[in-house]
Structure formats: C-alpha cells, structure tokens
C-alpha cells in the first residue's frame, strides 16, 4: 500500500496504488450482513457520497495538507458509497469510468497532439 501519493503522471506509480480488483463483494456482503440494503436507495447513496466528499474537503478547509489517515477514511467512505451505488444501479465500474474518459478525450483534446496534425 502506498501511504503518500506524489504528483503522478500515470505509469508505474498508478500501477502500484490502484488494484483493479475492487473489494465490491466485501462491501456488498458487509451491507447485506447488517440488512442495510433497504436504506441504500440511489438517492440516499448519492447524498452519502456528497456528504462524505464534503467531509474530505473539510479536512483541507484551512490547510493545504491534511492528516493522511483521516483522508484515507473519508476517501474510503466515498469509494464504498460509489461502489454500492454502482451495484444498486447495475453499472460496471470499469465500463463507466472508461466511457467517461473517452467522453473527456473528446471534450478536452490533447492540445499537443492537435498541433501535430
């Protein structure tokens, strides 16, 4: 696990910090063991993502840095709720991320590559 993430431009560091085997099963099992699915409606999950994102932002409210352990906790909450929402909506996380990246490539073309054409 990487505890500090310097500015990364892709490549080797990204490979080290991102495991594509997301623990979705563990998240859903945890939810189901507590009978929380009835509360996990899309609107409630969307609200929870926003609330957790605000809590993450609050860590940086008056500082350029924040306690890494608290950042990890808030980021984990955001990811857990996001994975749960994707599961609820029967969306494949990898697919929707790749689709969004493609939309962004069209919307924000690489200016350097555009100059070469």
C-alpha atoms as a PDB file:
ATOM      1  CA  UNK A   1       0.000   0.000   0.000  1.00  0.00           C
ATOM      2  CA  UNK A   2       1.267   3.480  -0.797  1.00  0.00           C
ATOM      3  CA  UNK A   3       0.803   5.946   2.051  1.00  0.00           C
ATOM      4  CA  UNK A   4       1.814   9.086   0.210  1.00  0.00           C
ATOM      5  CA  UNK A   5       0.913   9.768  -3.384  1.00  0.00           C
ATOM      6  CA  UNK A   6       3.195  12.316  -5.037  1.00  0.00           C
ATOM      7  CA  UNK A   7       2.144  14.069  -8.206  1.00  0.00           C
ATOM      8  CA  UNK A   8       1.786  11.241 -10.640  1.00  0.00           C
ATOM      9  CA  UNK A   9       1.616  11.389 -14.377  1.00  0.00           C
ATOM     10  CA  UNK A  10       0.439   7.824 -14.813  1.00  0.00           C
ATOM     11  CA  UNK A  11       2.545   4.803 -15.407  1.00  0.00           C
ATOM     12  CA  UNK A  12       4.392   2.882 -12.745  1.00  0.00           C
ATOM     13  CA  UNK A  13       3.109   4.722  -9.641  1.00  0.00           C
ATOM     14  CA  UNK A  14      -0.509   4.392 -10.738  1.00  0.00           C
ATOM     15  CA  UNK A  15       0.009   0.664 -11.211  1.00  0.00           C
ATOM     16  CA  UNK A  16       1.340   0.427  -7.663  1.00  0.00           C
ATOM     17  CA  UNK A  17      -1.534   2.297  -5.999  1.00  0.00           C
ATOM     18  CA  UNK A  18      -4.515   1.014  -7.943  1.00  0.00           C
ATOM     19  CA  UNK A  19      -5.619  -2.589  -7.688  1.00  0.00           C
ATOM     20  CA  UNK A  20      -8.327  -3.221 -10.246  1.00  0.00           C
ATOM     21  CA  UNK A  21      -9.768  -5.970  -8.051  1.00  0.00           C
ATOM     22  CA  UNK A  22     -12.037  -3.651  -6.095  1.00  0.00           C
ATOM     23  CA  UNK A  23     -13.470  -5.233  -2.933  1.00  0.00           C
ATOM     24  CA  UNK A  24     -17.051  -4.880  -4.203  1.00  0.00           C
ATOM     25  CA  UNK A  25     -18.108  -8.278  -2.870  1.00  0.00           C
ATOM     26  CA  UNK A  26     -16.826  -7.431   0.594  1.00  0.00           C
ATOM     27  CA  UNK A  27     -18.665  -4.094   0.529  1.00  0.00           C
ATOM     28  CA  UNK A  28     -21.949  -5.671  -0.534  1.00  0.00           C
ATOM     29  CA  UNK A  29     -21.557  -8.557   1.935  1.00  0.00           C
ATOM     30  CA  UNK A  30     -20.913  -6.070   4.756  1.00  0.00           C
ATOM     31  CA  UNK A  31     -24.056  -4.138   3.786  1.00  0.00           C
ATOM     32  CA  UNK A  32     -26.185  -7.265   3.493  1.00  0.00           C
ATOM     33  CA  UNK A  33     -24.989  -8.731   6.812  1.00  0.00           C
ATOM     34  CA  UNK A  34     -26.392  -5.620   8.504  1.00  0.00           C
ATOM     35  CA  UNK A  35     -29.618  -5.511   6.482  1.00  0.00           C
ATOM     36  CA  UNK A  36     -28.796  -2.007   5.247  1.00  0.00           C
ATOM     37  CA  UNK A  37     -29.848  -2.582   1.643  1.00  0.00           C
ATOM     38  CA  UNK A  38     -33.325  -1.188   2.345  1.00  0.00           C
ATOM     39  CA  UNK A  39     -31.672   2.155   3.218  1.00  0.00           C
ATOM     40  CA  UNK A  40     -29.312   2.120   0.237  1.00  0.00           C
ATOM     41  CA  UNK A  41     -31.551   3.688  -2.367  1.00  0.00           C
ATOM     42  CA  UNK A  42     -29.886   5.561  -5.217  1.00  0.00           C
ATOM     43  CA  UNK A  43     -30.895   8.934  -3.760  1.00  0.00           C
ATOM     44  CA  UNK A  44     -29.601   8.038  -0.279  1.00  0.00           C
ATOM     45  CA  UNK A  45     -26.336   6.743  -1.705  1.00  0.00           C
ATOM     46  CA  UNK A  46     -25.893   9.883  -3.833  1.00  0.00           C
ATOM     47  CA  UNK A  47     -26.487  12.027  -0.733  1.00  0.00           C
ATOM     48  CA  UNK A  48     -23.987   9.949   1.218  1.00  0.00           C
ATOM     49  CA  UNK A  49     -21.333  10.363  -1.487  1.00  0.00           C
ATOM     50  CA  UNK A  50     -21.822  14.125  -1.368  1.00  0.00           C
ATOM     51  CA  UNK A  51     -21.707  14.216   2.436  1.00  0.00           C
ATOM     52  CA  UNK A  52     -18.517  12.165   2.547  1.00  0.00           C
ATOM     53  CA  UNK A  53     -16.949  14.340  -0.163  1.00  0.00           C
ATOM     54  CA  UNK A  54     -17.747  17.395   1.941  1.00  0.00           C
ATOM     55  CA  UNK A  55     -16.090  15.731   4.935  1.00  0.00           C
ATOM     56  CA  UNK A  56     -12.997  15.114   2.808  1.00  0.00           C
ATOM     57  CA  UNK A  57     -12.990  18.740   1.701  1.00  0.00           C
ATOM     58  CA  UNK A  58     -13.361  19.877   5.303  1.00  0.00           C
ATOM     59  CA  UNK A  59     -10.019  18.255   6.113  1.00  0.00           C
ATOM     60  CA  UNK A  60      -8.405  20.771   3.757  1.00  0.00           C
ATOM     61  CA  UNK A  61     -10.580  23.730   4.778  1.00  0.00           C
ATOM     62  CA  UNK A  62      -7.801  25.855   6.259  1.00  0.00           C
ATOM     63  CA  UNK A  63      -4.728  23.924   5.162  1.00  0.00           C
ATOM     64  CA  UNK A  64      -3.006  22.731   2.039  1.00  0.00           C
ATOM     65  CA  UNK A  65      -2.347  19.398   3.734  1.00  0.00           C
ATOM     66  CA  UNK A  66      -4.439  17.088   5.873  1.00  0.00           C
ATOM     67  CA  UNK A  67      -3.927  14.125   8.147  1.00  0.00           C
ATOM     68  CA  UNK A  68      -3.393  11.218   5.754  1.00  0.00           C
ATOM     69  CA  UNK A  69      -5.248   8.719   7.931  1.00  0.00           C
ATOM     70  CA  UNK A  70      -8.337  10.918   8.015  1.00  0.00           C
ATOM     71  CA  UNK A  71      -8.089  11.469   4.242  1.00  0.00           C
ATOM     72  CA  UNK A  72      -7.900   7.694   3.742  1.00  0.00           C
ATOM     73  CA  UNK A  73     -11.025   7.182   5.859  1.00  0.00           C
ATOM     74  CA  UNK A  74     -13.081   9.794   4.001  1.00  0.00           C
ATOM     75  CA  UNK A  75     -11.862   8.654   0.591  1.00  0.00           C
ATOM     76  CA  UNK A  76     -12.716   5.066   1.517  1.00  0.00           C
ATOM     77  CA  UNK A  77     -16.231   6.163   2.509  1.00  0.00           C
ATOM     78  CA  UNK A  78     -16.663   7.914  -0.860  1.00  0.00           C
ATOM     79  CA  UNK A  79     -15.445   4.853  -2.740  1.00  0.00           C
ATOM     80  CA  UNK A  80     -17.597   2.473  -0.696  1.00  0.00           C
ATOM     81  CA  UNK A  81     -20.740   4.501  -1.339  1.00  0.00           C
ATOM     82  CA  UNK A  82     -19.803   4.863  -5.023  1.00  0.00           C
ATOM     83  CA  UNK A  83     -19.297   1.132  -5.454  1.00  0.00           C
ATOM     84  CA  UNK A  84     -22.566   0.472  -3.615  1.00  0.00           C
ATOM     85  CA  UNK A  85     -24.421   2.914  -5.887  1.00  0.00           C
ATOM     86  CA  UNK A  86     -22.940   1.295  -8.997  1.00  0.00           C
ATOM     87  CA  UNK A  87     -24.040  -2.107  -7.715  1.00  0.00           C
ATOM     88  CA  UNK A  88     -27.527  -0.806  -6.963  1.00  0.00           C
ATOM     89  CA  UNK A  89     -27.847   0.619 -10.492  1.00  0.00           C
ATOM     90  CA  UNK A  90     -26.246  -2.496 -12.023  1.00  0.00           C
ATOM     91  CA  UNK A  91     -23.422  -0.463 -13.543  1.00  0.00           C
ATOM     92  CA  UNK A  92     -19.989  -1.867 -14.293  1.00  0.00           C
ATOM     93  CA  UNK A  93     -17.491   0.457 -12.640  1.00  0.00           C
ATOM     94  CA  UNK A  94     -14.712  -0.213 -15.157  1.00  0.00           C
ATOM     95  CA  UNK A  95     -17.055   0.393 -18.083  1.00  0.00           C
ATOM     96  CA  UNK A  96     -18.471   3.681 -16.806  1.00  0.00           C
ATOM     97  CA  UNK A  97     -15.006   5.009 -15.969  1.00  0.00           C
ATOM     98  CA  UNK A  98     -13.644   4.129 -19.408  1.00  0.00           C
ATOM     99  CA  UNK A  99     -16.729   5.641 -21.074  1.00  0.00           C
ATOM    100  CA  UNK A 100     -16.214   8.863 -19.119  1.00  0.00           C
ATOM    101  CA  UNK A 101     -12.532   9.011 -20.016  1.00  0.00           C
ATOM    102  CA  UNK A 102     -13.479   8.682 -23.695  1.00  0.00           C
ATOM    103  CA  UNK A 103     -16.032  11.499 -23.366  1.00  0.00           C
ATOM    104  CA  UNK A 104     -13.357  13.638 -21.721  1.00  0.00           C
ATOM    105  CA  UNK A 105     -10.901  12.878 -24.535  1.00  0.00           C
ATOM    106  CA  UNK A 106     -13.422  14.280 -26.990  1.00  0.00           C
ATOM    107  CA  UNK A 107     -14.368  17.238 -24.813  1.00  0.00           C
ATOM    108  CA  UNK A 108     -10.762  18.067 -23.847  1.00  0.00           C
ATOM    109  CA  UNK A 109      -8.481  17.017 -26.712  1.00  0.00           C
ATOM    110  CA  UNK A 110      -4.749  16.848 -26.129  1.00  0.00           C
ATOM    111  CA  UNK A 111      -3.581  20.243 -27.405  1.00  0.00           C
ATOM    112  CA  UNK A 112      -0.074  18.993 -28.161  1.00  0.00           C
ATOM    113  CA  UNK A 113      -1.356  16.160 -30.334  1.00  0.00           C
ATOM    114  CA  UNK A 114      -3.795  18.507 -32.068  1.00  0.00           C
ATOM    115  CA  UNK A 115      -0.897  20.785 -33.085  1.00  0.00           C
ATOM    116  CA  UNK A 116       0.877  17.874 -34.779  1.00  0.00           C
ATOM    117  CA  UNK A 117      -1.997  17.216 -37.169  1.00  0.00           C
END
